Amino acid sequence: MVDSELKAKIEAALKSNKPKIDLINIVKQLKDKDMEQKAVYDIFEDVRKSLKDAKRKDDEEIIKDIIDIITGLCSQRMRIYPKVLNV
């Protein structure tokens, strides 16, 4: 379950002019607070499921892109965590 403050930050990022950059910054902030990769993945996966249920396909696609970055299924230069997360 995503806490309400974090959920509000993610929603604000989705509505911004540069949602991917803002969401990546949120992920980096969570990592800087020593949040483990799996925990960050779980948060964004919960958000993705909520967006899917709400039929917000465009926002869901953005979150899927961020999940790829969280899990390391992206280019090396885009990785935030050093290891690939197998989920």
N, C-alpha and C. Protein backbone atom coordinates (compact mmCIF):
# COMPACT_ATOMS: atom_id res chain seq x y z
N MET A 1 0.84 -1.19 0.00
CA MET A 1 0.00 0.00 0.00
C MET A 1 0.88 1.25 0.00
N VAL A 2 0.55 2.19 -0.83
CA VAL A 2 1.32 3.42 -0.96
C VAL A 2 0.77 4.45 0.02
N ASP A 3 1.67 5.06 0.81
CA ASP A 3 1.18 6.07 1.75
C ASP A 3 0.65 7.28 0.98
N SER A 4 -0.24 8.04 1.61
CA SER A 4 -0.96 9.11 0.91
C SER A 4 -0.03 10.22 0.42
N GLU A 5 1.01 10.55 1.17
CA GLU A 5 1.93 11.61 0.74
C GLU A 5 2.69 11.21 -0.52
N LEU A 6 3.18 9.98 -0.54
CA LEU A 6 3.90 9.49 -1.72
C LEU A 6 2.96 9.36 -2.91
N LYS A 7 1.76 8.88 -2.66
CA LYS A 7 0.77 8.77 -3.74
C LYS A 7 0.47 10.14 -4.35
N ALA A 8 0.36 11.15 -3.50
CA ALA A 8 0.11 12.51 -3.99
C ALA A 8 1.28 13.01 -4.84
N LYS A 9 2.51 12.70 -4.42
CA LYS A 9 3.69 13.10 -5.21
C LYS A 9 3.69 12.41 -6.57
N ILE A 10 3.36 11.14 -6.59
CA ILE A 10 3.33 10.39 -7.85
C ILE A 10 2.23 10.94 -8.76
N GLU A 11 1.05 11.22 -8.20
CA GLU A 11 -0.04 11.79 -8.99
C GLU A 11 0.35 13.16 -9.56
N ALA A 12 1.00 13.97 -8.74
CA ALA A 12 1.44 15.30 -9.21
C ALA A 12 2.45 15.15 -10.34
N ALA A 13 3.35 14.19 -10.20
CA ALA A 13 4.34 13.94 -11.25
C ALA A 13 3.67 13.50 -12.54
N LEU A 14 2.66 12.65 -12.45
CA LEU A 14 1.95 12.19 -13.64
C LEU A 14 1.26 13.33 -14.36
N LYS A 15 0.86 14.36 -13.62
CA LYS A 15 0.15 15.49 -14.21
C LYS A 15 1.09 16.61 -14.65
N SER A 16 2.38 16.46 -14.38
CA SER A 16 3.33 17.51 -14.71
C SER A 16 3.65 17.51 -16.20
N ASN A 17 4.38 18.52 -16.64
CA ASN A 17 4.79 18.61 -18.05
C ASN A 17 5.89 17.62 -18.39
N LYS A 18 6.56 17.12 -17.38
CA LYS A 18 7.66 16.16 -17.58
C LYS A 18 7.52 15.00 -16.59
N PRO A 19 6.49 14.19 -16.76
CA PRO A 19 6.18 13.15 -15.77
C PRO A 19 7.31 12.14 -15.56
N LYS A 20 7.96 11.71 -16.64
CA LYS A 20 9.00 10.68 -16.47
C LYS A 20 10.17 11.22 -15.65
N ILE A 21 10.58 12.43 -15.94
CA ILE A 21 11.69 13.03 -15.18
C ILE A 21 11.30 13.18 -13.72
N ASP A 22 10.10 13.67 -13.47
CA ASP A 22 9.65 13.86 -12.10
C ASP A 22 9.52 12.52 -11.35
N LEU A 23 9.04 11.50 -12.04
CA LEU A 23 8.92 10.18 -11.40
C LEU A 23 10.30 9.56 -11.14
N ILE A 24 11.22 9.73 -12.07
CA ILE A 24 12.59 9.24 -11.85
C ILE A 24 13.20 9.94 -10.63
N ASN A 25 12.93 11.23 -10.49
CA ASN A 25 13.43 11.95 -9.32
C ASN A 25 12.83 11.41 -8.03
N ILE A 26 11.57 11.02 -8.05
CA ILE A 26 10.95 10.41 -6.87
C ILE A 26 11.66 9.09 -6.54
N VAL A 27 11.92 8.28 -7.56
CA VAL A 27 12.61 7.01 -7.35
C VAL A 27 14.00 7.27 -6.74
N LYS A 28 14.71 8.25 -7.27
CA LYS A 28 16.04 8.58 -6.75
C LYS A 28 15.97 9.03 -5.29
N GLN A 29 14.94 9.81 -4.95
CA GLN A 29 14.77 10.26 -3.57
C GLN A 29 14.53 9.07 -2.64
N LEU A 30 13.72 8.12 -3.10
CA LEU A 30 13.45 6.92 -2.29
C LEU A 30 14.73 6.11 -2.10
N LYS A 31 15.51 5.98 -3.16
CA LYS A 31 16.79 5.26 -3.06
C LYS A 31 17.72 5.98 -2.10
N ASP A 32 17.77 7.31 -2.19
CA ASP A 32 18.62 8.10 -1.30
C ASP A 32 18.22 7.96 0.17
N LYS A 33 16.95 7.61 0.39
CA LYS A 33 16.47 7.35 1.76
C LYS A 33 16.67 5.89 2.15
N ASP A 34 17.51 5.20 1.36
CA ASP A 34 17.87 3.79 1.61
C ASP A 34 16.70 2.81 1.42
N MET A 35 15.73 3.17 0.60
CA MET A 35 14.66 2.24 0.31
C MET A 35 15.17 1.20 -0.69
N GLU A 36 14.94 -0.05 -0.38
CA GLU A 36 15.41 -1.13 -1.24
C GLU A 36 14.67 -1.14 -2.57
N GLN A 37 15.35 -1.66 -3.57
CA GLN A 37 14.83 -1.71 -4.93
C GLN A 37 13.48 -2.43 -4.98
N LYS A 38 13.34 -3.54 -4.30
CA LYS A 38 12.09 -4.31 -4.32
C LYS A 38 10.95 -3.50 -3.71
N ALA A 39 11.23 -2.76 -2.65
CA ALA A 39 10.19 -1.94 -2.01
C ALA A 39 9.71 -0.83 -2.95
N VAL A 40 10.66 -0.21 -3.66
CA VAL A 40 10.29 0.84 -4.62
C VAL A 40 9.48 0.21 -5.76
N TYR A 41 9.93 -0.93 -6.23
CA TYR A 41 9.18 -1.65 -7.28
C TYR A 41 7.74 -1.91 -6.80
N ASP A 42 7.58 -2.42 -5.58
CA ASP A 42 6.25 -2.74 -5.06
C ASP A 42 5.35 -1.51 -5.03
N ILE A 43 5.90 -0.37 -4.65
CA ILE A 43 5.12 0.87 -4.63
C ILE A 43 4.62 1.21 -6.03
N PHE A 44 5.53 1.20 -6.99
CA PHE A 44 5.14 1.59 -8.35
C PHE A 44 4.25 0.53 -9.01
N GLU A 45 4.41 -0.71 -8.65
CA GLU A 45 3.52 -1.75 -9.17
C GLU A 45 2.11 -1.56 -8.61
N ASP A 46 1.99 -1.20 -7.34
CA ASP A 46 0.67 -0.90 -6.76
C ASP A 46 0.01 0.27 -7.48
N VAL A 47 0.81 1.29 -7.77
CA VAL A 47 0.29 2.46 -8.50
C VAL A 47 -0.16 2.03 -9.89
N ARG A 48 0.66 1.22 -10.55
CA ARG A 48 0.31 0.75 -11.90
C ARG A 48 -1.02 0.00 -11.89
N LYS A 49 -1.20 -0.88 -10.92
CA LYS A 49 -2.46 -1.64 -10.83
C LYS A 49 -3.65 -0.72 -10.61
N SER A 50 -3.47 0.30 -9.78
CA SER A 50 -4.55 1.26 -9.53
C SER A 50 -4.91 2.02 -10.81
N LEU A 51 -3.88 2.41 -11.54
CA LEU A 51 -4.12 3.12 -12.80
C LEU A 51 -4.82 2.23 -13.81
N LYS A 52 -4.43 0.96 -13.84
CA LYS A 52 -5.08 0.01 -14.76
C LYS A 52 -6.56 -0.14 -14.40
N ASP A 53 -6.83 -0.29 -13.09
CA ASP A 53 -8.22 -0.41 -12.64
C ASP A 53 -9.04 0.83 -12.98
N ALA A 54 -8.38 1.98 -12.96
CA ALA A 54 -9.06 3.25 -13.26
C ALA A 54 -9.10 3.54 -14.76
N LYS A 55 -8.56 2.60 -15.55
CA LYS A 55 -8.53 2.73 -17.01
C LYS A 55 -7.79 3.99 -17.46
N ARG A 56 -6.70 4.28 -16.76
CA ARG A 56 -5.83 5.42 -17.12
C ARG A 56 -4.62 4.85 -17.86
N LYS A 57 -4.86 4.41 -19.07
CA LYS A 57 -3.86 3.69 -19.85
C LYS A 57 -2.59 4.50 -20.10
N ASP A 58 -2.72 5.76 -20.44
CA ASP A 58 -1.53 6.58 -20.71
C ASP A 58 -0.65 6.70 -19.47
N ASP A 59 -1.27 6.96 -18.33
CA ASP A 59 -0.50 7.05 -17.08
C ASP A 59 0.09 5.69 -16.70
N GLU A 60 -0.65 4.63 -16.95
CA GLU A 60 -0.14 3.29 -16.66
C GLU A 60 1.12 3.02 -17.50
N GLU A 61 1.12 3.43 -18.75
CA GLU A 61 2.29 3.23 -19.62
C GLU A 61 3.52 3.99 -19.10
N ILE A 62 3.29 5.19 -18.59
CA ILE A 62 4.39 5.96 -18.02
C ILE A 62 4.96 5.23 -16.81
N ILE A 63 4.09 4.73 -15.95
CA ILE A 63 4.54 3.99 -14.77
C ILE A 63 5.28 2.71 -15.18
N LYS A 64 4.81 2.05 -16.22
CA LYS A 64 5.52 0.85 -16.71
C LYS A 64 6.95 1.20 -17.12
N ASP A 65 7.12 2.34 -17.77
CA ASP A 65 8.46 2.79 -18.16
C ASP A 65 9.33 3.01 -16.92
N ILE A 66 8.75 3.59 -15.89
CA ILE A 66 9.50 3.83 -14.65
C ILE A 66 9.83 2.51 -13.96
N ILE A 67 8.91 1.57 -14.00
CA ILE A 67 9.17 0.25 -13.42
C ILE A 67 10.35 -0.42 -14.14
N ASP A 68 10.43 -0.26 -15.45
CA ASP A 68 11.58 -0.80 -16.18
C ASP A 68 12.89 -0.21 -15.66
N ILE A 69 12.87 1.07 -15.35
CA ILE A 69 14.07 1.73 -14.81
C ILE A 69 14.36 1.21 -13.40
N ILE A 70 13.33 1.06 -12.60
CA ILE A 70 13.51 0.55 -11.23
C ILE A 70 14.10 -0.85 -11.24
N THR A 71 13.59 -1.70 -12.12
CA THR A 71 14.05 -3.08 -12.16
C THR A 71 15.37 -3.26 -12.90
N GLY A 72 15.80 -2.21 -13.61
CA GLY A 72 17.04 -2.30 -14.35
C GLY A 72 16.89 -2.85 -15.75
N LEU A 73 15.65 -3.00 -16.21
CA LEU A 73 15.39 -3.49 -17.57
C LEU A 73 15.37 -2.31 -18.52
N CYS A 74 16.50 -1.63 -18.56
CA CYS A 74 16.67 -0.42 -19.36
C CYS A 74 18.15 -0.31 -19.69
N SER A 75 18.51 0.74 -20.38
CA SER A 75 19.93 0.92 -20.70
C SER A 75 20.72 1.14 -19.41
N GLN A 76 21.98 0.77 -19.46
CA GLN A 76 22.86 0.89 -18.29
C GLN A 76 22.87 2.32 -17.74
N ARG A 77 22.88 3.31 -18.61
CA ARG A 77 22.97 4.70 -18.16
C ARG A 77 21.69 5.18 -17.46
N MET A 78 20.57 4.50 -17.69
CA MET A 78 19.31 4.89 -17.06
C MET A 78 19.07 4.22 -15.71
N ARG A 79 19.86 3.20 -15.40
CA ARG A 79 19.66 2.46 -14.16
C ARG A 79 19.86 3.33 -12.93
N ILE A 80 19.00 3.13 -11.98
CA ILE A 80 19.11 3.81 -10.70
C ILE A 80 19.74 2.88 -9.67
N TYR A 81 19.32 1.63 -9.70
CA TYR A 81 19.89 0.60 -8.84
C TYR A 81 20.90 -0.20 -9.66
N PRO A 82 21.98 -0.66 -9.03
CA PRO A 82 23.05 -1.32 -9.79
C PRO A 82 22.69 -2.71 -10.33
N LYS A 83 21.77 -3.40 -9.67
CA LYS A 83 21.43 -4.76 -10.09
C LYS A 83 20.07 -4.81 -10.76
N VAL A 84 19.92 -5.82 -11.62
CA VAL A 84 18.62 -6.07 -12.25
C VAL A 84 17.77 -6.82 -11.24
N LEU A 85 16.54 -6.36 -11.05
CA LEU A 85 15.61 -6.99 -10.13
C LEU A 85 14.74 -7.98 -10.90
N ASN A 86 14.80 -9.24 -10.52
CA ASN A 86 13.98 -10.25 -11.17
C ASN A 86 12.66 -10.38 -10.44
N VAL A 87 11.60 -9.93 -11.09
CA VAL A 87 10.26 -10.01 -10.49
C VAL A 87 9.32 -10.77 -11.37
